[in-house]
Amino acid sequence: MIEIIPAIDIIDGKCVRLSQGDYEQKKVYNEDPLEVAKEMEDHGIRRVHLVDLDGAKSGRLINYMILKKITSRTSLIIDIGGGLKSDIDLEIAFDNGAQMAVGGSIAIENPAIFQRWIDQFGGNRILLGADCREGLISIHGWIEDTKQEVIPYILQWRKQGIQEVICTDIEKDGMLEGPNIDLYKRIREQDPSGHLIASGGVSCLDDIEALEKVSVSGVIIGKAIYEGKISLKDLLQFM
């Protein structure tokens, strides 16, 4: 059964969504992310993907008090990403209740530190954020593209101990046009045993079923929930 992981993206302490990672295309859905998290928990959701978009842009964890609010007032499992670029950021994330931390830019810019995190905390608590545009890894809140191809990149870090990968197709993210099934299928063919989380483009229940058919382990759903394309009640069939 595919794991359902709703996303809560934070800018200025508010729950927002972007389109294709564009900060200029920001829409605020709720002033209180805790309210959103509690509603998700009430509908049987067990895990949430929390993204500090301010942190991703600035290069340091910023919205950790939102994290603390959610982890102290719900029983949700939280993985957090965005701005985790130093030991201090990671310490703050775990001290404020995150069970897992997602490394994106750090894995490209300072792989030695990222490897140390994996060795210290394990590949099941340190997750790889493989965000890509046209098959190439993108960093710094999706502002800067690299020349690193996404599939070899994932395979490299899997060999280094990473157990779970969140792979986001930036061009699909927030567009409600369906996920990049072909990309996830190709990743699965080369890495059948890893825990692969798909992110970006999910617009309906059929998209979730399509990802399940190519053996994706989990799916992050954001805008489809906030825009009412998929209800939290609808997701019960996958849990």
C-alpha atoms as a PDB file:
ATOM      1  CA  MET A   1       0.000   0.000   0.000  1.00  0.00           C
ATOM      2  CA  ILE A   2       1.340   3.416  -0.998  1.00  0.00           C
ATOM      3  CA  GLU A   3       2.062   5.813   1.871  1.00  0.00           C
ATOM      4  CA  ILE A   4       0.044   9.055   1.787  1.00  0.00           C
ATOM      5  CA  ILE A   5       2.013  12.126   2.924  1.00  0.00           C
ATOM      6  CA  PRO A   6       0.279  15.515   2.733  1.00  0.00           C
ATOM      7  CA  ALA A   7       2.526  18.552   2.464  1.00  0.00           C
ATOM      8  CA  ILE A   8       2.459  21.709   4.551  1.00  0.00           C
ATOM      9  CA  ASP A   9       4.599  24.439   2.984  1.00  0.00           C
ATOM     10  CA  ILE A  10       5.438  27.454   5.137  1.00  0.00           C
ATOM     11  CA  ILE A  11       6.187  31.075   4.240  1.00  0.00           C
ATOM     12  CA  ASP A  12       5.987  33.787   6.923  1.00  0.00           C
ATOM     13  CA  GLY A  13       4.424  31.256   9.289  1.00  0.00           C
ATOM     14  CA  LYS A  14       1.504  30.605   6.918  1.00  0.00           C
ATOM     15  CA  CYS A  15       0.428  27.541   4.951  1.00  0.00           C
ATOM     16  CA  VAL A  16       1.039  28.245   1.252  1.00  0.00           C
ATOM     17  CA  ARG A  17       1.552  26.557  -2.087  1.00  0.00           C
ATOM     18  CA  LEU A  18       3.745  27.614  -4.992  1.00  0.00           C
ATOM     19  CA  SER A  19       3.546  26.722  -8.682  1.00  0.00           C
ATOM     20  CA  GLN A  20       6.717  25.127 -10.091  1.00  0.00           C
ATOM     21  CA  GLY A  21       8.626  26.466  -7.088  1.00  0.00           C
ATOM     22  CA  ASP A  22       8.027  30.077  -8.118  1.00  0.00           C
ATOM     23  CA  TYR A  23       7.913  32.278  -5.007  1.00  0.00           C
ATOM     24  CA  GLU A  24       6.070  34.916  -7.028  1.00  0.00           C
ATOM     25  CA  GLN A  25       3.222  32.437  -7.566  1.00  0.00           C
ATOM     26  CA  LYS A  26       2.379  32.053  -3.896  1.00  0.00           C
ATOM     27  CA  LYS A  27      -1.112  31.331  -2.610  1.00  0.00           C
ATOM     28  CA  VAL A  28      -1.931  31.395   1.106  1.00  0.00           C
ATOM     29  CA  TYR A  29      -4.365  28.653   2.136  1.00  0.00           C
ATOM     30  CA  ASN A  30      -4.376  29.030   5.895  1.00  0.00           C
ATOM     31  CA  GLU A  31      -2.869  31.482   8.364  1.00  0.00           C
ATOM     32  CA  ASP A  32      -2.403  28.677  10.901  1.00  0.00           C
ATOM     33  CA  PRO A  33      -0.454  25.558   9.799  1.00  0.00           C
ATOM     34  CA  LEU A  34      -1.297  23.869  13.122  1.00  0.00           C
ATOM     35  CA  GLU A  35      -4.986  24.006  12.219  1.00  0.00           C
ATOM     36  CA  VAL A  36      -4.189  22.317   8.912  1.00  0.00           C
ATOM     37  CA  ALA A  37      -2.100  19.647  10.631  1.00  0.00           C
ATOM     38  CA  LYS A  38      -4.829  18.895  13.175  1.00  0.00           C
ATOM     39  CA  GLU A  39      -7.412  18.468  10.424  1.00  0.00           C
ATOM     40  CA  MET A  40      -5.097  16.051   8.629  1.00  0.00           C
ATOM     41  CA  GLU A  41      -4.575  14.073  11.828  1.00  0.00           C
ATOM     42  CA  ASP A  42      -8.336  13.962  12.442  1.00  0.00           C
ATOM     43  CA  HIS A  43      -8.739  12.289   9.029  1.00  0.00           C
ATOM     44  CA  GLY A  44      -6.297   9.506   9.803  1.00  0.00           C
ATOM     45  CA  ILE A  45      -3.131  11.002   8.321  1.00  0.00           C
ATOM     46  CA  ARG A  46      -0.047   9.749  10.175  1.00  0.00           C
ATOM     47  CA  ARG A  47       2.792  11.593   8.456  1.00  0.00           C
ATOM     48  CA  VAL A  48       3.226  15.114   7.062  1.00  0.00           C
ATOM     49  CA  HIS A  49       5.961  16.601   4.883  1.00  0.00           C
ATOM     50  CA  LEU A  50       6.739  20.061   6.300  1.00  0.00           C
ATOM     51  CA  VAL A  51       8.650  22.445   4.051  1.00  0.00           C
ATOM     52  CA  ASP A  52      10.253  25.639   5.328  1.00  0.00           C
ATOM     53  CA  LEU A  53      10.202  27.653   2.108  1.00  0.00           C
ATOM     54  CA  ASP A  54      11.695  30.685   3.858  1.00  0.00           C
ATOM     55  CA  GLY A  55      14.490  28.415   5.011  1.00  0.00           C
ATOM     56  CA  ALA A  56      15.030  26.946   1.556  1.00  0.00           C
ATOM     57  CA  LYS A  57      15.486  30.421   0.122  1.00  0.00           C
ATOM     58  CA  SER A  58      17.689  31.801   2.913  1.00  0.00           C
ATOM     59  CA  GLY A  59      19.834  28.721   3.531  1.00  0.00           C
ATOM     60  CA  ARG A  60      18.954  28.183   7.191  1.00  0.00           C
ATOM     61  CA  LEU A  61      16.008  26.769   9.100  1.00  0.00           C
ATOM     62  CA  ILE A  62      13.591  29.587   9.945  1.00  0.00           C
ATOM     63  CA  ASN A  63      10.078  28.323  10.711  1.00  0.00           C
ATOM     64  CA  TYR A  64      11.082  25.859  13.437  1.00  0.00           C
ATOM     65  CA  MET A  65       8.512  27.255  15.890  1.00  0.00           C
ATOM     66  CA  ILE A  66       5.779  26.091  13.500  1.00  0.00           C
ATOM     67  CA  LEU A  67       7.403  22.666  13.590  1.00  0.00           C
ATOM     68  CA  LYS A  68       7.396  22.727  17.394  1.00  0.00           C
ATOM     69  CA  LYS A  69       3.724  23.727  17.503  1.00  0.00           C
ATOM     70  CA  ILE A  70       2.716  20.832  15.272  1.00  0.00           C
ATOM     71  CA  THR A  71       4.860  18.181  16.936  1.00  0.00           C
ATOM     72  CA  SER A  72       3.858  19.227  20.452  1.00  0.00           C
ATOM     73  CA  ARG A  73       0.125  19.385  19.737  1.00  0.00           C
ATOM     74  CA  THR A  74      -0.354  16.432  17.395  1.00  0.00           C
ATOM     75  CA  SER A  75       0.964  12.876  17.147  1.00  0.00           C
ATOM     76  CA  LEU A  76       1.905  13.306  13.481  1.00  0.00           C
ATOM     77  CA  ILE A  77       5.225  12.014  12.182  1.00  0.00           C
ATOM     78  CA  ILE A  78       6.959  15.014  10.636  1.00  0.00           C
ATOM     79  CA  ASP A  79       9.730  15.045   8.073  1.00  0.00           C
ATOM     80  CA  ILE A  80      11.056  18.547   7.495  1.00  0.00           C
ATOM     81  CA  GLY A  81      12.957  20.067   4.612  1.00  0.00           C
ATOM     82  CA  GLY A  82      14.090  23.522   3.577  1.00  0.00           C
ATOM     83  CA  GLY A  83      17.197  25.306   4.822  1.00  0.00           C
ATOM     84  CA  LEU A  84      18.884  22.368   6.534  1.00  0.00           C
ATOM     85  CA  LYS A  85      22.484  23.229   5.718  1.00  0.00           C
ATOM     86  CA  SER A  86      24.374  22.969   9.014  1.00  0.00           C
ATOM     87  CA  ASP A  87      24.658  20.835  12.135  1.00  0.00           C
ATOM     88  CA  ILE A  88      22.833  23.595  14.014  1.00  0.00           C
ATOM     89  CA  ASP A  89      19.879  23.467  11.612  1.00  0.00           C
ATOM     90  CA  LEU A  90      19.639  19.709  11.995  1.00  0.00           C
ATOM     91  CA  GLU A  91      19.863  19.950  15.784  1.00  0.00           C
ATOM     92  CA  ILE A  92      17.076  22.555  15.817  1.00  0.00           C
ATOM     93  CA  ALA A  93      14.891  20.363  13.606  1.00  0.00           C
ATOM     94  CA  PHE A  94      15.253  17.288  15.815  1.00  0.00           C
ATOM     95  CA  ASP A  95      15.035  19.277  19.071  1.00  0.00           C
ATOM     96  CA  ASN A  96      11.702  20.687  17.896  1.00  0.00           C
ATOM     97  CA  GLY A  97      10.209  17.290  17.205  1.00  0.00           C
ATOM     98  CA  ALA A  98      10.982  16.361  13.616  1.00  0.00           C
ATOM     99  CA  GLN A  99      11.434  12.597  13.271  1.00  0.00           C
ATOM    100  CA  MET A 100      13.113  12.909   9.870  1.00  0.00           C
ATOM    101  CA  ALA A 101      15.092  15.615   8.088  1.00  0.00           C
ATOM    102  CA  VAL A 102      15.383  16.101   4.348  1.00  0.00           C
ATOM    103  CA  GLY A 103      18.712  17.200   2.890  1.00  0.00           C
ATOM    104  CA  GLY A 104      18.587  18.858  -0.514  1.00  0.00           C
ATOM    105  CA  SER A 105      21.150  21.548  -1.286  1.00  0.00           C
ATOM    106  CA  ILE A 106      23.494  20.282   1.438  1.00  0.00           C
ATOM    107  CA  ALA A 107      23.933  16.949  -0.347  1.00  0.00           C
ATOM    108  CA  ILE A 108      25.209  18.779  -3.429  1.00  0.00           C
ATOM    109  CA  GLU A 109      27.184  21.588  -1.820  1.00  0.00           C
ATOM    110  CA  ASN A 110      28.651  19.790   1.185  1.00  0.00           C
ATOM    111  CA  PRO A 111      28.350  16.034   0.727  1.00  0.00           C
ATOM    112  CA  ALA A 112      30.812  15.361   3.568  1.00  0.00           C
ATOM    113  CA  ILE A 113      28.456  16.924   6.106  1.00  0.00           C
ATOM    114  CA  PHE A 114      25.460  15.130   4.626  1.00  0.00           C
ATOM    115  CA  GLN A 115      27.316  11.815   4.778  1.00  0.00           C
ATOM    116  CA  ARG A 116      28.172  12.457   8.415  1.00  0.00           C
ATOM    117  CA  TRP A 117      24.488  13.031   9.149  1.00  0.00           C
ATOM    118  CA  ILE A 118      23.624   9.702   7.516  1.00  0.00           C
ATOM    119  CA  ASP A 119      26.320   7.921   9.492  1.00  0.00           C
ATOM    120  CA  GLN A 120      25.258   9.544  12.764  1.00  0.00           C
ATOM    121  CA  PHE A 121      21.465   9.370  12.533  1.00  0.00           C
ATOM    122  CA  GLY A 122      20.887   6.655   9.925  1.00  0.00           C
ATOM    123  CA  GLY A 123      19.544   6.628   6.407  1.00  0.00           C
ATOM    124  CA  ASN A 124      15.999   6.218   7.695  1.00  0.00           C
ATOM    125  CA  ARG A 125      16.047   9.571   9.567  1.00  0.00           C
ATOM    126  CA  ILE A 126      18.148  11.528   7.096  1.00  0.00           C
ATOM    127  CA  LEU A 127      16.256  11.647   3.799  1.00  0.00           C
ATOM    128  CA  LEU A 128      17.529  12.723   0.393  1.00  0.00           C
ATOM    129  CA  GLY A 129      15.599  15.481  -1.317  1.00  0.00           C
ATOM    130  CA  ALA A 130      16.145  14.964  -5.045  1.00  0.00           C
ATOM    131  CA  ASP A 131      14.382  17.939  -6.624  1.00  0.00           C
ATOM    132  CA  CYS A 132      14.781  18.045 -10.372  1.00  0.00           C
ATOM    133  CA  ARG A 133      13.924  20.093 -13.414  1.00  0.00           C
ATOM    134  CA  GLU A 134      14.236  18.456 -16.848  1.00  0.00           C
ATOM    135  CA  GLY A 135      16.082  15.563 -15.212  1.00  0.00           C
ATOM    136  CA  LEU A 136      18.696  17.728 -13.461  1.00  0.00           C
ATOM    137  CA  ILE A 137      18.980  18.403  -9.727  1.00  0.00           C
ATOM    138  CA  SER A 138      17.917  21.883  -8.596  1.00  0.00           C
ATOM    139  CA  ILE A 139      18.944  23.533  -5.307  1.00  0.00           C
ATOM    140  CA  HIS A 140      18.440  26.666  -3.150  1.00  0.00           C
ATOM    141  CA  GLY A 141      14.661  26.459  -3.096  1.00  0.00           C
ATOM    142  CA  TRP A 142      14.637  25.411  -6.762  1.00  0.00           C
ATOM    143  CA  ILE A 143      16.218  28.696  -7.810  1.00  0.00           C
ATOM    144  CA  GLU A 144      19.510  27.213  -9.070  1.00  0.00           C
ATOM    145  CA  ASP A 145      19.815  24.272 -11.476  1.00  0.00           C
ATOM    146  CA  THR A 146      22.858  21.997 -11.433  1.00  0.00           C
ATOM    147  CA  LYS A 147      24.316  19.677 -14.060  1.00  0.00           C
ATOM    148  CA  GLN A 148      23.767  16.600 -11.854  1.00  0.00           C
ATOM    149  CA  GLU A 149      21.412  14.047 -13.423  1.00  0.00           C
ATOM    150  CA  VAL A 150      18.734  12.956 -10.979  1.00  0.00           C
ATOM    151  CA  ILE A 151      18.834   9.162 -11.357  1.00  0.00           C
ATOM    152  CA  PRO A 152      22.626   8.688 -10.997  1.00  0.00           C
ATOM    153  CA  TYR A 153      22.453  11.146  -8.106  1.00  0.00           C
ATOM    154  CA  ILE A 154      19.841   9.064  -6.294  1.00  0.00           C
ATOM    155  CA  LEU A 155      21.740   5.836  -6.939  1.00  0.00           C
ATOM    156  CA  GLN A 156      24.956   7.384  -5.600  1.00  0.00           C
ATOM    157  CA  TRP A 157      23.363   8.368  -2.289  1.00  0.00           C
ATOM    158  CA  ARG A 158      21.538   5.067  -1.962  1.00  0.00           C
ATOM    159  CA  LYS A 159      24.966   3.407  -1.999  1.00  0.00           C
ATOM    160  CA  GLN A 160      26.034   5.842   0.728  1.00  0.00           C
ATOM    161  CA  GLY A 161      23.287   4.669   3.077  1.00  0.00           C
ATOM    162  CA  ILE A 162      20.200   6.706   2.180  1.00  0.00           C
ATOM    163  CA  GLN A 163      17.079   4.573   2.567  1.00  0.00           C
ATOM    164  CA  GLU A 164      14.372   7.077   1.611  1.00  0.00           C
ATOM    165  CA  VAL A 165      14.346   9.527  -1.285  1.00  0.00           C
ATOM    166  CA  ILE A 166      11.813  12.290  -1.914  1.00  0.00           C
ATOM    167  CA  CYS A 167      11.945  13.017  -5.623  1.00  0.00           C
ATOM    168  CA  THR A 168      10.105  16.140  -6.789  1.00  0.00           C
ATOM    169  CA  ASP A 169       9.582  17.002 -10.438  1.00  0.00           C
ATOM    170  CA  ILE A 170       9.600  20.804 -10.190  1.00  0.00           C
ATOM    171  CA  GLU A 171       7.870  21.324 -13.526  1.00  0.00           C
ATOM    172  CA  LYS A 172       4.942  19.271 -12.268  1.00  0.00           C
ATOM    173  CA  ASP A 173       4.803  20.722  -8.758  1.00  0.00           C
ATOM    174  CA  GLY A 174       1.661  22.728  -8.039  1.00  0.00           C
ATOM    175  CA  MET A 175       0.375  22.399 -11.595  1.00  0.00           C
ATOM    176  CA  LEU A 176      -2.290  19.710 -10.972  1.00  0.00           C
ATOM    177  CA  GLU A 177      -1.436  18.076 -14.307  1.00  0.00           C
ATOM    178  CA  GLY A 178      -0.424  14.626 -13.081  1.00  0.00           C
ATOM    179  CA  PRO A 179       2.937  13.301 -11.820  1.00  0.00           C
ATOM    180  CA  ASN A 180       5.911  12.291 -13.948  1.00  0.00           C
ATOM    181  CA  ILE A 181       5.128   8.570 -13.961  1.00  0.00           C
ATOM    182  CA  ASP A 182       7.901   7.818 -16.450  1.00  0.00           C
ATOM    183  CA  LEU A 183      10.553   9.355 -14.183  1.00  0.00           C
ATOM    184  CA  TYR A 184       9.491   7.302 -11.161  1.00  0.00           C
ATOM    185  CA  LYS A 185       9.225   4.161 -13.257  1.00  0.00           C
ATOM    186  CA  ARG A 186      12.817   4.637 -14.478  1.00  0.00           C
ATOM    187  CA  ILE A 187      14.071   5.252 -10.940  1.00  0.00           C
ATOM    188  CA  ARG A 188      12.296   2.118  -9.740  1.00  0.00           C
ATOM    189  CA  GLU A 189      13.800   0.020 -12.521  1.00  0.00           C
ATOM    190  CA  GLN A 190      17.304   0.978 -11.385  1.00  0.00           C
ATOM    191  CA  ASP A 191      16.590   1.040  -7.647  1.00  0.00           C
ATOM    192  CA  PRO A 192      13.775  -1.427  -6.871  1.00  0.00           C
ATOM    193  CA  SER A 193      14.442  -1.739  -3.149  1.00  0.00           C
ATOM    194  CA  GLY A 194      14.676   1.870  -1.956  1.00  0.00           C
ATOM    195  CA  HIS A 195      11.844   3.815  -0.336  1.00  0.00           C
ATOM    196  CA  LEU A 196      10.874   6.222  -3.141  1.00  0.00           C
ATOM    197  CA  ILE A 197       8.517   9.103  -2.375  1.00  0.00           C
ATOM    198  CA  ALA A 198       7.012  10.863  -5.410  1.00  0.00           C
ATOM    199  CA  SER A 199       6.195  14.555  -5.246  1.00  0.00           C
ATOM    200  CA  GLY A 200       4.711  16.980  -7.725  1.00  0.00           C
ATOM    201  CA  GLY A 201       1.650  17.062  -9.952  1.00  0.00           C
ATOM    202  CA  VAL A 202      -0.812  14.773  -8.164  1.00  0.00           C
ATOM    203  CA  SER A 203      -4.302  15.999  -9.045  1.00  0.00           C
ATOM    204  CA  CYS A 204      -6.671  13.087  -8.445  1.00  0.00           C
ATOM    205  CA  LEU A 205      -6.977   9.596  -6.991  1.00  0.00           C
ATOM    206  CA  ASP A 206      -6.103   8.062 -10.375  1.00  0.00           C
ATOM    207  CA  ASP A 207      -2.674   9.701 -10.134  1.00  0.00           C
ATOM    208  CA  ILE A 208      -2.067   7.991  -6.799  1.00  0.00           C
ATOM    209  CA  GLU A 209      -3.120   4.640  -8.253  1.00  0.00           C
ATOM    210  CA  ALA A 210      -0.803   5.178 -11.244  1.00  0.00           C
ATOM    211  CA  LEU A 211       2.143   5.796  -8.905  1.00  0.00           C
ATOM    212  CA  GLU A 212       1.241   2.706  -6.913  1.00  0.00           C
ATOM    213  CA  LYS A 213       1.310   0.637 -10.116  1.00  0.00           C
ATOM    214  CA  VAL A 214       4.957   1.602 -10.763  1.00  0.00           C
ATOM    215  CA  SER A 215       5.819   0.576  -7.173  1.00  0.00           C
ATOM    216  CA  VAL A 216       6.357   4.048  -5.729  1.00  0.00           C
ATOM    217  CA  SER A 217       6.527   3.694  -1.933  1.00  0.00           C
ATOM    218  CA  GLY A 218       4.815   6.941  -1.028  1.00  0.00           C
ATOM    219  CA  VAL A 219       3.342  10.114  -2.449  1.00  0.00           C
ATOM    220  CA  ILE A 220       3.395  13.713  -1.260  1.00  0.00           C
ATOM    221  CA  ILE A 221       0.167  15.560  -1.989  1.00  0.00           C
ATOM    222  CA  GLY A 222      -0.201  19.313  -1.627  1.00  0.00           C
ATOM    223  CA  LYS A 223      -2.224  21.559  -3.882  1.00  0.00           C
ATOM    224  CA  ALA A 224      -4.761  18.873  -4.815  1.00  0.00           C
ATOM    225  CA  ILE A 225      -5.844  18.765  -1.165  1.00  0.00           C
ATOM    226  CA  TYR A 226      -5.906  22.527  -0.674  1.00  0.00           C
ATOM    227  CA  GLU A 227      -7.807  23.115  -3.913  1.00  0.00           C
ATOM    228  CA  GLY A 228     -10.358  20.435  -3.065  1.00  0.00           C
ATOM    229  CA  LYS A 229      -9.406  18.128  -5.954  1.00  0.00           C
ATOM    230  CA  ILE A 230      -8.754  15.359  -3.414  1.00  0.00           C
ATOM    231  CA  SER A 231     -10.463  15.305  -0.029  1.00  0.00           C
ATOM    232  CA  LEU A 232      -8.792  13.961   3.093  1.00  0.00           C
ATOM    233  CA  LYS A 233     -11.733  11.558   3.367  1.00  0.00           C
ATOM    234  CA  ASP A 234     -10.961  10.225  -0.140  1.00  0.00           C
ATOM    235  CA  LEU A 235      -7.473   9.269   1.018  1.00  0.00           C
ATOM    236  CA  LEU A 236      -8.757   6.817   3.620  1.00  0.00           C
ATOM    237  CA  GLN A 237      -8.916   4.058   1.006  1.00  0.00           C
ATOM    238  CA  PHE A 238      -5.111   4.156   0.742  1.00  0.00           C
ATOM    239  CA  MET A 239      -4.518   3.978   4.501  1.00  0.00           C
END
